[in-house]
Amino acid sequence: MDASDDYRLLRRVPEEPPIEPDDGSPTMSVAVVDVETTGLDPDSDRIVELAIRRIRMTLDGRLVGLGERRSWLEDPGRPLDAEVVRLTGLTDADLEGRRIDDRTAVSVLRASDLVVAHNAGFDRPFVERRLPQVAGGAWACTCNDVDWAALGFEGRSLSHLMFQLGMFFDGHRAASDVAALIAMLVHRLRDGRALFEVLLETARRDTVLVDAVDAPFEAARVLRARGYRWNQRDRRWRREIGEEALGAECEWLDRKVYSSGGAPAYSRVTWRERHA
């Protein structure tokens, strides 16, 4: 059945993935992280579950070390919305009086060279607001730092990507998502590269954040079509590009957005600032 094109066999994500021999190759300590929260806004919502597992990876994506599974529930101090209960299965009774072990969580994160999450733009602000001692570390995002379409995948949700990798897991709980992420990182593509290697190549590359400061209202359509996204907090159109594309982007902005005056703002982004 596994060899037939008429069937697709899915395997459950293992809780304990196999560890390969350590041959002395350079490695990185990686904290794989996921959170469940009361909502989408890190300024007003709270973490209700935090899961972390530290792993040691070679730069070519071999898992050579596996730390302890760690997961904590935390009482947000207010009742959960019905949608959160439906998605996670957590209830107010499950969370009552529970608290994240700050000392352990901070120790694991600060001892890691890199933090990986599937949607780091969501997880990172929540983690750093709850544990400000770990702010400023290097982060990578398996959702947005991998060009999944170029690799032949459809969509970017964790469950759908894992399905395409031939695996399934019980989603919407932080510990299950962390196990799935580890399985994703060590998975090898048809060209022999591990997904961790693909992620690392993109995530460690510096980029440029382009802010279309004071862009005229009528430029919104062309900015959106160009790939800019509206940042509600700073109230400006924003796009992250590779350093090699900066010259062409400046020229395009001069012609399409600032022909009557004004100029964008630029800032360099490393994996220590990205997704914050």
Protein backbone atom coordinates (compact mmCIF):
# COMPACT_ATOMS: atom_id res chain seq x y z
CA MET A 1 0.00 0.00 0.00
CA ASP A 2 2.86 2.39 0.81
CA ALA A 3 4.21 2.02 -2.74
CA SER A 4 0.86 2.54 -4.47
CA ASP A 5 -0.20 5.88 -5.94
CA ASP A 6 -3.81 5.01 -5.04
CA TYR A 7 -3.24 5.28 -1.29
CA ARG A 8 -1.51 7.59 1.11
CA LEU A 9 -0.26 6.12 4.36
CA LEU A 10 0.01 8.51 7.32
CA ARG A 11 2.15 7.78 10.36
CA ARG A 12 1.62 9.31 13.78
CA VAL A 13 4.30 11.79 14.79
CA PRO A 14 6.57 10.00 17.29
CA GLU A 15 6.89 11.43 20.78
CA GLU A 16 10.52 10.27 20.85
CA PRO A 17 12.15 10.70 17.43
CA PRO A 18 15.24 8.60 16.70
CA ILE A 19 18.59 10.18 17.54
CA GLU A 20 21.49 9.80 15.11
CA PRO A 21 25.12 9.23 16.18
CA ASP A 22 27.10 12.35 17.01
CA ASP A 23 30.09 12.29 14.66
CA GLY A 24 31.58 15.55 15.93
CA SER A 25 30.03 17.75 13.24
CA PRO A 26 29.15 21.35 14.23
CA THR A 27 25.80 21.52 16.00
CA MET A 28 23.24 24.02 17.26
CA SER A 29 21.12 23.90 20.38
CA VAL A 30 17.53 24.56 19.24
CA ALA A 31 14.51 25.24 21.45
CA VAL A 32 11.31 24.17 19.69
CA VAL A 33 8.39 26.17 21.08
CA ASP A 34 4.63 26.43 20.84
CA VAL A 35 2.00 28.36 22.80
CA GLU A 36 -1.75 28.21 23.21
CA THR A 37 -3.33 31.52 24.21
CA THR A 38 -6.59 33.21 25.15
CA GLY A 39 -6.58 35.16 21.87
CA LEU A 40 -4.48 36.82 19.18
CA ASP A 41 -3.23 40.02 20.85
CA PRO A 42 -0.08 39.68 22.99
CA ASP A 43 -0.83 43.03 24.62
CA SER A 44 -4.19 41.94 26.04
CA ASP A 45 -4.31 38.14 25.76
CA ARG A 46 -2.38 35.58 27.79
CA ILE A 47 -0.56 32.27 27.34
CA VAL A 48 -2.50 29.31 28.72
CA GLU A 49 -0.04 26.61 27.60
CA LEU A 50 3.67 26.75 26.82
CA ALA A 51 5.64 23.78 25.49
CA ILE A 52 9.40 23.72 24.91
CA ARG A 53 11.79 20.96 23.93
CA ARG A 54 15.47 21.55 23.39
CA ILE A 55 17.16 19.51 20.69
CA ARG A 56 20.67 19.41 19.26
CA MET A 57 20.91 19.52 15.48
CA THR A 58 23.81 19.30 13.08
CA LEU A 59 23.83 22.07 10.49
CA ASP A 60 22.76 19.57 7.82
CA GLY A 61 19.69 18.58 9.84
CA ARG A 62 20.59 15.45 11.80
CA LEU A 63 19.09 15.12 15.29
CA VAL A 64 21.93 14.18 17.64
CA GLY A 65 20.50 15.24 21.00
CA LEU A 66 17.06 15.36 22.57
CA GLY A 67 16.17 17.20 25.75
CA GLU A 68 13.34 16.72 28.18
CA ARG A 69 9.75 17.39 27.09
CA ARG A 70 8.47 20.40 29.02
CA SER A 71 4.93 21.73 29.03
CA TRP A 72 3.13 24.04 31.43
CA LEU A 73 -0.42 25.28 31.81
CA GLU A 74 -1.09 28.76 33.16
CA ASP A 75 -4.17 30.36 34.65
CA PRO A 76 -4.91 33.54 32.64
CA GLY A 77 -6.95 35.00 35.48
CA ARG A 78 -10.18 35.10 33.46
CA PRO A 79 -12.59 32.63 31.86
CA LEU A 80 -11.64 31.10 28.52
CA ASP A 81 -13.66 31.95 25.44
CA ALA A 82 -15.76 29.10 24.12
CA GLU A 83 -13.68 29.00 20.90
CA VAL A 84 -10.44 28.46 22.85
CA VAL A 85 -12.08 25.62 24.80
CA ARG A 86 -13.28 24.07 21.54
CA LEU A 87 -9.89 24.29 19.83
CA THR A 88 -7.65 23.19 22.69
CA GLY A 89 -9.91 21.09 24.89
CA LEU A 90 -8.66 23.09 27.87
CA THR A 91 -11.15 24.33 30.45
CA ASP A 92 -11.07 26.90 33.24
CA ALA A 93 -10.84 24.03 35.71
CA ASP A 94 -7.72 22.66 33.95
CA LEU A 95 -5.97 26.03 34.32
CA GLU A 96 -7.08 27.09 37.78
CA GLY A 97 -4.04 27.85 39.94
CA ARG A 98 -1.54 26.62 37.31
CA ARG A 99 1.59 28.57 36.43
CA ILE A 100 4.54 28.35 34.04
CA ASP A 101 7.84 27.48 35.71
CA ASP A 102 9.60 30.74 34.81
CA ARG A 103 13.04 29.67 35.98
CA THR A 104 13.09 26.46 33.94
CA ALA A 105 11.54 28.02 30.83
CA VAL A 106 14.00 30.93 30.87
CA SER A 107 16.94 28.59 31.47
CA VAL A 108 16.04 26.36 28.50
CA LEU A 109 15.44 29.27 26.13
CA ARG A 110 18.55 31.22 27.11
CA ALA A 111 20.72 28.12 26.74
CA SER A 112 19.59 27.66 23.12
CA ASP A 113 21.30 29.08 20.04
CA LEU A 114 17.98 29.32 18.18
CA VAL A 115 14.26 29.22 18.97
CA VAL A 116 11.99 27.63 16.35
CA ALA A 117 8.20 27.97 16.15
CA HIS A 118 5.77 27.32 13.33
CA ASN A 119 4.30 30.82 13.37
CA ALA A 120 7.02 32.75 15.18
CA GLY A 121 5.34 36.09 14.47
CA PHE A 122 2.59 34.88 16.80
CA ASP A 123 4.55 32.86 19.38
CA ARG A 124 7.52 35.17 19.88
CA PRO A 125 5.63 38.28 21.09
CA PHE A 126 3.65 36.16 23.57
CA VAL A 127 6.77 34.37 24.87
CA GLU A 128 8.84 37.55 25.23
CA ARG A 129 6.03 39.46 26.93
CA ARG A 130 5.54 36.61 29.41
CA LEU A 131 9.28 35.93 29.84
CA PRO A 132 11.06 39.23 29.11
CA GLN A 133 14.39 37.77 30.23
CA VAL A 134 14.63 35.87 26.92
CA ALA A 135 13.96 38.83 24.61
CA GLY A 136 16.47 39.39 21.82
CA GLY A 137 17.30 35.78 21.01
CA ALA A 138 17.49 34.32 17.51
CA TRP A 139 14.20 32.97 16.15
CA ALA A 140 13.23 31.04 13.03
CA CYS A 141 9.77 30.31 11.65
CA THR A 142 8.90 27.09 9.83
CA CYS A 143 5.75 28.75 8.48
CA ASN A 144 7.25 31.89 6.94
CA ASP A 145 11.01 31.28 6.66
CA VAL A 146 10.54 28.31 4.30
CA ASP A 147 9.34 28.79 0.71
CA TRP A 148 6.93 25.86 0.83
CA ALA A 149 5.47 26.53 -2.61
CA ALA A 150 8.93 26.37 -4.19
CA LEU A 151 9.43 23.01 -2.48
CA GLY A 152 6.21 21.68 -4.04
CA PHE A 153 3.92 21.95 -1.00
CA GLU A 154 0.43 23.42 -0.79
CA GLY A 155 -0.52 25.74 2.08
CA ARG A 156 1.46 26.50 5.21
CA SER A 157 -0.64 25.29 8.14
CA LEU A 158 1.25 22.85 10.34
CA SER A 159 -1.34 20.08 10.10
CA HIS A 160 -1.59 20.31 6.30
CA LEU A 161 2.18 20.38 5.83
CA MET A 162 2.60 17.35 8.11
CA PHE A 163 -0.08 15.55 6.09
CA GLN A 164 1.96 16.18 2.95
CA LEU A 165 5.03 14.84 4.76
CA GLY A 166 3.09 11.64 5.48
CA MET A 167 2.45 12.28 9.18
CA PHE A 168 -0.41 13.25 11.48
CA PHE A 169 -0.69 14.48 15.07
CA ASP A 170 -3.23 15.73 17.58
CA GLY A 171 -3.20 19.46 16.91
CA HIS A 172 -4.09 22.55 18.97
CA ARG A 173 -2.14 21.49 22.03
CA ALA A 174 1.31 22.98 22.50
CA ALA A 175 3.18 19.76 23.32
CA SER A 176 1.74 17.96 20.28
CA ASP A 177 2.68 20.85 18.02
CA VAL A 178 6.26 20.80 19.34
CA ALA A 179 6.55 17.07 18.60
CA ALA A 180 5.26 17.69 15.07
CA LEU A 181 7.75 20.52 14.54
CA ILE A 182 10.67 18.32 15.56
CA ALA A 183 9.50 15.64 13.12
CA MET A 184 9.25 18.31 10.42
CA LEU A 185 12.76 19.65 11.06
CA VAL A 186 14.43 16.25 10.67
CA HIS A 187 12.38 15.23 7.62
CA ARG A 188 14.44 14.87 4.45
CA LEU A 189 13.19 16.12 1.12
CA ARG A 190 13.60 14.26 -2.14
CA ASP A 191 16.83 16.15 -2.83
CA GLY A 192 18.30 14.81 0.43
CA ARG A 193 18.20 18.06 2.39
CA ALA A 194 16.60 18.11 5.82
CA LEU A 195 13.99 20.81 6.37
CA PHE A 196 16.11 22.18 9.21
CA GLU A 197 18.90 22.83 6.71
CA VAL A 198 16.46 24.64 4.40
CA LEU A 199 15.09 26.70 7.30
CA LEU A 200 18.54 27.61 8.57
CA GLU A 201 19.71 28.84 5.17
CA THR A 202 16.87 31.36 4.98
CA ALA A 203 16.45 32.32 8.63
CA ARG A 204 20.09 33.25 9.27
CA ARG A 205 20.20 35.57 6.23
CA ASP A 206 19.92 39.30 6.99
CA THR A 207 17.05 41.15 5.31
CA VAL A 208 15.80 44.72 5.02
CA LEU A 209 12.52 45.97 6.48
CA VAL A 210 11.01 48.60 4.20
CA ASP A 211 8.50 50.98 5.82
CA ALA A 212 6.42 53.05 3.41
CA VAL A 213 6.32 56.00 5.82
CA ASP A 214 3.54 58.52 5.12
CA ALA A 215 2.59 56.77 1.90
CA PRO A 216 -0.40 58.51 0.29
CA PHE A 217 -3.76 56.81 0.75
CA GLU A 218 -4.14 56.21 -2.98
CA ALA A 219 -0.94 54.11 -2.99
CA ALA A 220 -2.54 51.40 -0.82
CA ARG A 221 -3.60 49.26 -3.76
CA VAL A 222 -0.20 49.15 -5.47
CA LEU A 223 1.58 48.61 -2.15
CA ARG A 224 -0.64 45.64 -1.33
CA ALA A 225 -0.12 44.20 -4.80
CA ARG A 226 3.64 44.58 -4.33
CA GLY A 227 3.55 42.46 -1.17
CA TYR A 228 3.38 45.18 1.49
CA ARG A 229 1.21 44.52 4.54
CA TRP A 230 -0.47 47.09 6.75
CA ASN A 231 1.04 47.26 10.25
CA GLN A 232 -1.77 48.40 12.50
CA ARG A 233 0.45 49.15 15.48
CA ASP A 234 2.80 51.50 13.59
CA ARG A 235 0.14 52.49 11.02
CA ARG A 236 2.25 52.06 7.92
CA TRP A 237 2.75 49.70 5.00
CA ARG A 238 5.68 47.33 5.51
CA ARG A 239 7.57 44.70 3.57
CA GLU A 240 10.66 42.58 4.32
CA ILE A 241 12.98 41.94 1.37
CA GLY A 242 16.41 40.51 0.66
CA GLU A 243 19.35 42.91 0.67
CA GLU A 244 19.96 42.17 -3.01
CA ALA A 245 16.49 43.52 -3.89
CA LEU A 246 16.86 46.87 -2.10
CA GLY A 247 18.00 48.91 -5.10
CA ALA A 248 15.09 47.81 -7.27
CA GLU A 249 12.66 48.41 -4.41
CA CYS A 250 13.89 51.96 -3.88
CA GLU A 251 13.45 52.70 -7.57
CA TRP A 252 9.91 51.24 -7.57
CA LEU A 253 8.89 53.25 -4.49
CA ASP A 254 10.23 56.47 -6.02
CA ARG A 255 8.13 55.91 -9.15
CA LYS A 256 4.93 54.43 -7.71
CA VAL A 257 4.58 55.88 -4.19
CA TYR A 258 6.80 58.92 -3.63
CA SER A 259 6.68 60.65 -7.03
CA SER A 260 5.30 63.75 -5.31
CA GLY A 261 7.80 63.70 -2.45
CA GLY A 262 8.63 61.75 0.67
CA ALA A 263 10.78 58.70 1.26
CA PRO A 264 10.53 55.26 2.87
CA ALA A 265 12.49 54.12 5.92
CA TYR A 266 14.81 51.12 5.94
CA SER A 267 16.18 48.96 8.73
CA ARG A 268 18.33 45.85 8.71
CA VAL A 269 16.74 42.71 10.18
CA THR A 270 18.56 39.67 11.57
CA TRP A 271 17.01 36.60 13.11
CA ARG A 272 17.33 38.36 16.46
CA GLU A 273 14.79 41.01 15.41
CA ARG A 274 12.66 39.07 12.94
CA HIS A 275 9.17 37.96 14.02
CA ALA A 276 9.29 40.19 17.12
